[in-house]
Every structure is written in C-alpha cells, then in structure tokens.
Amino acid sequence: MKKILLLSDTHSYIDNDILKYVKQADEVWHAGDIGDLKVTDAIKKLKPLRGVYGNIDDATVRLEFPEHNRFMCEEVDVWITHIGGYPPKYNGRVYETMKQNPPRLFICGHSHILKVMPDKRLHVLHMNPGAVGKHGFHKTRTMLRFTIDGKKIDNLEVIEFPVRHPQKLLFLITLQHLLVNISYTYKDLIFIFLNNFNTRTMSFRTRYEEESHPYEISRRSYFALST
C-alpha cells in the first residue's frame, strides 16, 4: 500500500503546512504549474516526487518534468498531465488516447477547482486536487491524499487551507471508503465538485442508492452526486 499526496498549481508557493503533509506521504504527485523549482526541490528532499509541467512553467521546469507522466502505482495505471479536462469533456491533446488506451486514474490540474469524478464509459477515475498555491481566483487552497493498495484506491481526504484568512486554519475532510473498489461499482462512487468558497463548517452525509441524489458536504461550497 502507498500513501499518495496529490497537489497542483503551487505557482512557486511552498510552506511548512504543505510540507507537514508531504512528510506523511509515501509519494507526492504534482499536476503542474510548479513555478519556481524551489517548490519541487523542497518536496524531493523529503519524499519521492512525480510531476508534470504546466502552462506557466518556464524552460527550466520543462527540462526537469514532462508534459505527460504515465506510470503504474501498485496495480493502478496512472496518467498525470496539467491540462486534460474532465469526464466527458477531455482536452483535445488527450482525447484520442483516452478513448483508445484510457488509464484507471487520470489526474489534471490547471482549473484551480477540486474534482473527483468517475467516467463510467471509459472506466476511468478523474482527480483534480485544485490549487495549493496563492496565485489565482480561488479562495481556498486544496490538496488530496489517498491510498493505493493493489487495484484499490481508498481513504480519500481533502486537505483545505483558507487562502486569505489571517489565521492559518486548516480544514480536513475525511471521506473514508469513498472509493472502495477500482473495479468500479459505480453506485458506490461519488462525484465531488468543490467550488472553493471560503467556509468554516462542513458536514458530510452519504446514502448509497440507485438513484441520483444531491449530497451536501457543506453549505454552498461542496456537493456530491451518486453515479
């Protein structure tokens, strides 16, 4: 089993709060828009790092990181790229490969909007960790962490830092057993879309039913739909 910390869009920002979670992971994955290489250098001093460059990254970053990073983690085929879209609206640069040879886990950044959602048609799970840097429109900095054990992706957590609040309060939502089986029993998979409003109180209700129902995680900021 591997504990994965997934982050993106640091835009040259790194701090001890981020590094605290880096230390708790087995591997760190960065989905692009790194900015200054001091970010990835700080991570690599602590843990193994896989990453890709993003659209804001300069030639120095692009020499160190590829545009696409596809690899196996345990028994899960993973593809990381910065700009890739999301199900079913994949970006043109990945569309044909997604149709012909889809991974099991497809990871992007770029949007600064955290999403976790399955693609039933292609049997793909999509993740976007949102942005953990301070540059951009988002009001909340986010990362994801989860475990991969064989074919199973489990123990998904959203790590959240308010961007502009003077106190460094951290909100951690634990979504245990959200992704119980990579074999895609879709009624148990939940689509999460986070709009990154700045909220303080969060609750999470789950009902596994055949029909689609809204699942409120917090007022205005988060909602989930069964699939």
Protein backbone atom coordinates (compact mmCIF):
# COMPACT_ATOMS: atom_id res chain seq x y z
CA MET A 1 0.00 0.00 0.00
CA LYS A 2 1.15 3.53 -0.83
CA LYS A 3 0.02 6.80 0.70
CA ILE A 4 -0.20 9.46 -2.01
CA LEU A 5 -0.29 13.24 -1.58
CA LEU A 6 -1.63 14.94 -4.73
CA LEU A 7 -1.18 18.67 -5.28
CA SER A 8 -1.11 21.14 -8.13
CA ASP A 9 -0.76 24.79 -9.11
CA THR A 10 1.72 25.81 -6.45
CA HIS A 11 2.80 28.82 -8.56
CA SER A 12 6.14 29.00 -6.67
CA TYR A 13 4.49 28.74 -3.24
CA ILE A 14 5.55 26.20 -0.61
CA ASP A 15 5.26 26.39 3.18
CA ASN A 16 5.60 24.25 6.28
CA ASP A 17 1.89 23.43 6.31
CA ILE A 18 2.24 21.75 2.91
CA LEU A 19 5.49 20.06 3.88
CA LYS A 20 3.87 18.63 7.00
CA TYR A 21 1.60 16.57 4.75
CA VAL A 22 4.48 15.76 2.41
CA LYS A 23 6.23 14.06 5.33
CA GLN A 24 3.18 11.87 5.96
CA ALA A 25 3.03 10.51 2.39
CA ASP A 26 4.96 7.74 0.67
CA GLU A 27 4.92 9.61 -2.65
CA VAL A 28 3.98 13.12 -3.75
CA TRP A 29 2.42 13.81 -7.16
CA HIS A 30 2.39 17.34 -8.63
CA ALA A 31 -0.03 18.08 -11.50
CA GLY A 32 1.75 21.13 -12.89
CA ASP A 33 2.12 24.91 -12.71
CA ILE A 34 5.02 24.38 -10.35
CA GLY A 35 6.57 27.83 -10.71
CA ASP A 36 9.96 28.06 -9.05
CA LEU A 37 11.83 24.76 -8.74
CA LYS A 38 12.40 25.53 -5.06
CA VAL A 39 8.92 24.01 -4.61
CA THR A 40 9.80 20.62 -6.03
CA ASP A 41 13.32 20.72 -4.54
CA ALA A 42 11.79 21.11 -1.06
CA ILE A 43 9.44 18.18 -1.68
CA LYS A 44 12.16 15.93 -3.11
CA LYS A 45 14.30 16.43 -0.02
CA LEU A 46 11.57 14.68 1.94
CA LYS A 47 9.79 12.21 -0.34
CA PRO A 48 9.82 10.74 -3.87
CA LEU A 49 8.12 13.10 -6.33
CA ARG A 50 6.37 12.54 -9.65
CA GLY A 51 5.27 15.60 -11.60
CA VAL A 52 4.49 17.34 -14.87
CA TYR A 53 4.99 20.89 -16.06
CA GLY A 54 2.10 23.30 -16.52
CA ASN A 55 1.34 26.16 -18.86
CA ILE A 56 3.02 28.79 -16.63
CA ASP A 57 6.21 26.79 -16.16
CA ASP A 58 9.37 28.01 -17.87
CA ALA A 59 12.02 26.12 -19.81
CA THR A 60 13.94 25.20 -16.65
CA VAL A 61 10.95 23.40 -15.20
CA ARG A 62 10.17 21.78 -18.56
CA LEU A 63 13.66 20.31 -18.69
CA GLU A 64 13.06 18.55 -15.38
CA PHE A 65 9.43 17.49 -15.76
CA PRO A 66 7.47 16.10 -18.75
CA GLU A 67 4.12 17.26 -20.12
CA HIS A 68 2.64 13.81 -19.53
CA ASN A 69 3.62 11.31 -16.85
CA ARG A 70 2.11 7.85 -17.16
CA PHE A 71 3.16 5.08 -14.80
CA MET A 72 1.95 2.16 -12.71
CA CYS A 73 1.40 2.62 -8.97
CA GLU A 74 0.85 -0.80 -7.45
CA GLU A 75 -1.73 -2.21 -9.95
CA VAL A 76 -3.23 1.14 -10.95
CA ASP A 77 -2.41 2.73 -14.33
CA VAL A 78 -1.95 6.46 -13.61
CA TRP A 79 -1.74 9.35 -16.09
CA ILE A 80 -0.87 12.86 -14.89
CA THR A 81 -1.00 15.91 -17.18
CA HIS A 82 -1.66 19.55 -16.37
CA ILE A 83 -4.38 20.38 -18.90
CA GLY A 84 -6.59 17.42 -19.67
CA GLY A 85 -10.18 18.39 -18.99
CA TYR A 86 -12.53 16.09 -17.11
CA PRO A 87 -15.17 13.45 -17.92
CA PRO A 88 -16.58 13.62 -20.53
CA LYS A 89 -15.04 16.95 -21.63
CA TYR A 90 -11.47 15.87 -22.20
CA ASN A 91 -8.99 18.28 -23.75
CA GLY A 92 -8.11 17.67 -27.39
CA ARG A 93 -4.49 16.84 -26.57
CA VAL A 94 -5.56 13.74 -24.58
CA TYR A 95 -8.90 12.86 -26.16
CA GLU A 96 -7.77 10.19 -28.63
CA THR A 97 -5.52 8.42 -26.14
CA MET A 98 -8.27 8.48 -23.54
CA LYS A 99 -10.59 6.75 -25.98
CA GLN A 100 -8.09 4.17 -27.22
CA ASN A 101 -5.99 3.48 -24.13
CA PRO A 102 -7.50 5.04 -21.00
CA PRO A 103 -5.71 4.83 -17.65
CA ARG A 104 -7.51 3.84 -14.48
CA LEU A 105 -6.63 7.11 -12.73
CA PHE A 106 -6.48 10.35 -14.76
CA ILE A 107 -5.08 13.39 -12.94
CA CYS A 108 -5.06 17.03 -14.05
CA GLY A 109 -4.57 20.48 -12.56
CA HIS A 110 -4.96 23.91 -14.19
CA SER A 111 -8.57 24.77 -13.26
CA HIS A 112 -7.91 25.56 -9.56
CA ILE A 113 -11.16 23.63 -8.90
CA LEU A 114 -11.00 20.39 -6.96
CA LYS A 115 -12.86 17.48 -8.56
CA VAL A 116 -13.06 13.75 -8.08
CA MET A 117 -15.36 12.02 -10.55
CA PRO A 118 -15.66 8.71 -12.41
CA ASP A 119 -16.06 8.21 -16.14
CA LYS A 120 -18.43 5.27 -16.44
CA ARG A 121 -17.96 4.94 -20.17
CA LEU A 122 -14.17 4.65 -20.08
CA HIS A 123 -13.85 3.09 -16.61
CA VAL A 124 -11.59 5.94 -15.50
CA LEU A 125 -11.43 7.80 -12.22
CA HIS A 126 -10.56 11.50 -12.61
CA MET A 127 -8.93 13.64 -9.93
CA ASN A 128 -8.04 17.32 -9.84
CA PRO A 129 -6.62 18.44 -6.47
CA GLY A 130 -7.39 22.13 -7.03
CA ALA A 131 -4.67 24.71 -6.30
CA VAL A 132 -2.48 24.82 -3.20
CA GLY A 133 -0.61 27.96 -4.26
CA LYS A 134 -1.75 31.50 -3.50
CA HIS A 135 -1.91 32.82 -7.08
CA GLY A 136 -5.33 32.69 -8.72
CA PHE A 137 -9.03 33.27 -8.19
CA HIS A 138 -9.57 30.51 -5.65
CA LYS A 139 -10.35 31.42 -2.04
CA THR A 140 -9.36 28.04 -0.64
CA ARG A 141 -6.11 26.16 -1.19
CA THR A 142 -6.60 22.41 -1.52
CA MET A 143 -4.74 19.12 -1.86
CA LEU A 144 -5.87 15.49 -1.99
CA ARG A 145 -4.44 12.45 -0.31
CA PHE A 146 -5.43 8.82 -0.68
CA THR A 147 -4.05 5.31 -0.62
CA ILE A 148 -3.43 2.83 -3.41
CA ASP A 149 -3.40 -0.82 -2.39
CA GLY A 150 -3.19 -3.17 -5.34
CA LYS A 151 -6.10 -2.14 -7.58
CA LYS A 152 -7.92 -0.29 -4.82
CA ILE A 153 -7.99 3.48 -4.34
CA ASP A 154 -9.21 4.29 -0.84
CA ASN A 155 -9.04 6.64 2.16
CA LEU A 156 -9.54 9.79 0.10
CA GLU A 157 -9.07 13.01 2.05
CA VAL A 158 -9.43 16.66 1.08
CA ILE A 159 -6.91 18.95 2.77
CA GLU A 160 -8.02 22.56 2.77
CA PHE A 161 -6.28 25.82 3.70
CA PRO A 162 -8.10 29.19 3.55
CA VAL A 163 -6.09 31.50 1.28
CA ARG A 164 -6.74 34.97 2.59
CA HIS A 165 -7.83 34.38 6.18
CA PRO A 166 -5.26 35.85 8.59
CA GLN A 167 -5.26 32.75 10.76
CA LYS A 168 -3.89 29.55 9.25
CA LEU A 169 -6.89 27.37 9.94
CA LEU A 170 -6.88 24.02 8.19
CA PHE A 171 -9.96 22.01 7.32
CA LEU A 172 -9.54 18.32 6.72
CA ILE A 173 -12.48 16.35 5.34
CA THR A 174 -12.06 12.62 5.60
CA LEU A 175 -14.08 10.73 3.01
CA GLN A 176 -13.37 7.21 4.17
CA HIS A 177 -14.47 4.40 1.87
CA LEU A 178 -15.45 6.81 -0.88
CA LEU A 179 -13.58 4.79 -3.46
CA VAL A 180 -13.79 1.24 -2.25
CA ASN A 181 -13.02 -0.69 -5.39
CA ILE A 182 -11.19 0.19 -8.58
CA SER A 183 -13.41 -2.34 -10.36
CA TYR A 184 -15.96 0.50 -10.49
CA THR A 185 -19.14 -0.41 -8.70
CA TYR A 186 -20.48 2.97 -9.70
CA LYS A 187 -23.34 3.30 -7.25
CA ASP A 188 -20.62 3.46 -4.57
CA LEU A 189 -18.52 6.05 -6.38
CA ILE A 190 -19.30 9.66 -5.59
CA PHE A 191 -18.71 12.66 -7.78
CA ILE A 192 -17.30 15.56 -5.84
CA PHE A 193 -17.17 19.06 -7.19
CA LEU A 194 -15.68 21.77 -4.98
CA ASN A 195 -16.34 25.39 -5.93
CA ASN A 196 -13.75 26.73 -3.48
CA PHE A 197 -15.83 29.18 -1.49
CA ASN A 198 -14.40 30.01 1.91
CA THR A 199 -16.47 28.20 4.55
CA ARG A 200 -15.78 27.12 8.11
CA THR A 201 -18.32 24.44 8.89
CA MET A 202 -18.61 21.24 6.89
CA SER A 203 -20.66 18.11 7.17
CA PHE A 204 -20.80 15.02 5.00
CA ARG A 205 -23.78 12.72 4.53
CA THR A 206 -23.68 9.60 2.36
CA ARG A 207 -26.51 7.46 1.08
CA TYR A 208 -25.71 4.72 -1.38
CA GLU A 209 -28.82 4.45 -3.52
CA GLU A 210 -29.52 3.58 -7.13
CA GLU A 211 -30.99 6.97 -7.97
CA SER A 212 -29.05 10.23 -8.21
CA HIS A 213 -29.40 12.40 -5.12
CA PRO A 214 -27.55 15.52 -4.03
CA TYR A 215 -25.17 15.02 -1.10
CA GLU A 216 -24.39 18.14 0.82
CA ILE A 217 -20.88 18.30 2.25
CA SER A 218 -21.04 21.93 3.24
CA ARG A 219 -23.38 24.78 2.59
CA ARG A 220 -22.70 26.36 -0.84
CA SER A 221 -19.17 25.06 -1.15
CA TYR A 222 -19.37 21.35 -1.81
CA PHE A 223 -21.85 18.93 -3.27
CA ALA A 224 -21.71 15.33 -4.39
CA LEU A 225 -23.86 13.22 -6.66
CA SER A 226 -24.18 9.46 -6.76
CA THR A 227 -23.42 7.86 -10.11
